[in-house]
Protein backbone atom coordinates (compact mmCIF):
# COMPACT_ATOMS: atom_id res chain seq x y z
CA MET A 1 72.52 115.91 83.10
CA LYS A 2 70.00 112.95 83.61
CA LYS A 3 71.05 111.40 80.81
CA LEU A 4 74.64 111.31 82.87
CA LEU A 5 72.51 110.16 85.90
CA VAL A 6 71.04 107.24 83.98
CA LEU A 7 74.25 105.87 82.72
CA LEU A 8 75.95 106.21 85.62
CA LEU A 9 73.50 104.60 88.26
CA PRO A 10 74.39 100.90 86.99
CA CYS A 11 77.87 101.50 87.28
CA LEU A 12 77.41 102.57 90.62
CA LEU A 13 75.31 99.69 91.74
CA LEU A 14 77.12 97.49 90.39
CA THR A 15 79.98 98.43 92.23
CA LEU A 16 78.25 98.30 94.96
CA ALA A 17 76.67 95.12 94.41
CA CYS A 18 80.24 93.90 94.50
CA PHE A 19 82.26 95.60 97.05
CA GLY A 20 79.39 96.07 99.09
CA SER A 21 79.77 98.81 102.04
CA GLY A 22 79.94 96.81 104.79
CA PRO A 23 83.46 95.41 106.80
CA GLU A 24 83.72 93.07 103.79
CA GLY A 25 83.32 95.14 100.90
CA THR A 26 86.14 97.31 102.44
CA VAL A 27 88.41 94.08 102.56
CA LYS A 28 87.52 93.26 98.98
CA ARG A 29 87.92 96.89 97.98
CA PHE A 30 91.50 96.57 99.80
CA TYR A 31 92.65 93.24 97.97
CA SER A 32 91.01 94.48 94.92
CA ALA A 33 93.31 97.66 94.92
CA VAL A 34 96.63 96.45 95.64
CA GLU A 35 96.39 93.53 92.79
CA LYS A 36 96.11 96.56 90.46
CA GLY A 37 98.74 98.45 91.86
CA ASP A 38 95.82 101.05 92.93
CA ILE A 39 97.89 101.99 96.10
CA ASP A 40 96.32 105.23 97.01
CA THR A 41 92.71 103.44 97.00
CA ALA A 42 94.51 100.62 99.35
CA VAL A 43 95.60 103.30 101.53
CA ASP A 44 92.24 105.17 101.79
CA GLN A 45 90.87 101.29 103.25
CA LEU A 46 93.20 101.62 106.08
CA SER A 47 91.69 103.07 109.24
CA SER A 48 93.85 106.51 110.79
CA ARG A 49 95.22 104.83 113.60
CA ILE A 50 97.43 102.40 110.71
CA VAL A 51 98.12 105.70 108.79
CA GLY A 52 99.50 107.50 111.86
CA MET A 53 101.33 104.85 113.33
CA VAL A 54 103.04 103.73 110.08
CA GLY A 55 103.06 107.30 108.07
CA LYS A 56 101.53 106.98 104.37
CA ASP A 57 104.92 106.78 102.63
CA LYS A 58 105.92 103.62 104.10
CA LEU A 59 102.30 102.46 103.85
CA ARG A 60 102.95 103.03 100.04
CA ALA A 61 106.29 101.27 99.63
CA GLY A 62 104.84 98.32 101.56
CA LEU A 63 102.10 98.18 99.82
CA SER A 64 104.02 98.79 96.12
CA LYS A 65 105.81 95.65 97.46
CA GLN A 66 102.96 93.84 98.00
CA ALA A 67 100.94 94.32 94.30
CA LEU A 68 104.64 93.07 93.20
CA ASP A 69 103.89 89.97 94.82
CA VAL A 70 100.79 89.69 93.98
CA LYS A 71 101.44 90.00 90.59
CA LYS A 72 104.13 87.56 90.61
CA LYS A 73 101.99 84.94 92.13
CA GLY A 74 99.63 85.24 89.21
CA GLY A 75 97.24 87.55 90.46
CA ILE A 76 94.22 87.22 93.06
CA LYS A 77 92.27 83.72 92.05
CA SER A 78 89.44 83.95 94.46
CA LEU A 79 88.79 86.25 97.76
CA LYS A 80 86.92 84.08 100.24
CA ILE A 81 85.76 86.06 103.35
CA THR A 82 84.52 84.00 106.62
CA GLU A 83 83.48 84.26 110.32
CA MET A 84 83.15 87.86 110.26
CA ASN A 85 81.84 89.26 112.96
CA GLU A 86 80.50 92.88 113.46
CA VAL A 87 79.56 94.38 116.99
CA GLY A 88 79.08 98.12 116.63
CA ASP A 89 81.46 99.98 115.37
CA VAL A 90 84.08 97.02 115.48
CA ALA A 91 84.51 93.89 113.18
CA GLU A 92 86.79 90.67 112.95
CA GLY A 93 86.83 87.53 110.42
CA LYS A 94 89.40 86.07 108.03
CA VAL A 95 90.11 86.18 104.47
CA THR A 96 91.80 83.74 102.68
CA ILE A 97 93.48 84.71 99.28
CA THR A 98 94.21 82.12 96.08
CA TYR A 99 96.26 83.31 93.81
CA GLY A 100 96.23 82.21 89.99
CA ASP A 101 99.59 80.38 91.18
CA GLY A 102 97.77 77.86 93.01
CA SER A 103 98.96 78.91 96.72
CA SER A 104 96.69 80.00 98.98
CA GLU A 105 96.93 82.39 102.44
CA THR A 106 94.63 82.82 105.17
CA GLU A 107 94.58 86.13 107.23
CA ASP A 108 92.95 87.44 110.30
CA VAL A 109 91.37 91.17 109.70
CA LYS A 110 90.06 93.50 112.04
CA LEU A 111 87.61 96.94 110.92
CA ILE A 112 86.60 99.76 112.79
CA LYS A 113 84.13 102.47 111.87
CA GLU A 114 85.25 105.56 110.78
CA GLU A 115 83.18 108.56 110.14
CA GLY A 116 80.66 105.99 108.72
CA LYS A 117 83.48 103.59 106.93
CA TRP A 118 84.71 100.65 107.63
CA LYS A 119 88.31 100.84 107.61
CA LEU A 120 90.95 97.91 108.29
CA ASN A 121 92.55 98.20 111.75
CA ALA A 122 95.74 97.11 113.66
CA ASP A 123 95.71 95.13 116.95
CA LYS A 124 96.49 97.42 119.92
């Protein structure tokens, strides 16, 4: 058991260092999951409000299409999060995604903390 823990600890620390646990980490996990086609992980980054409004099946279909679009653009080359403002259990900022084909887009992101975890949220 100790050997397993010693082997897994560096992986866990690396994951936390790459994605973190704050709002920025949630944004990075979401886009990384979409790029990989890991739709369940992408859905897990969304607030219960979004899941309730849209439904998991429609979300999965939309995110699968988005994953294909990302692939057509050559994957995600870089992800830059700016202007992230966190106040209590809400946060908002901007994310600029640069794709492998050189195109880019900037999106506003809103997050809410649910059960101690940051989740992407929608406007009212």
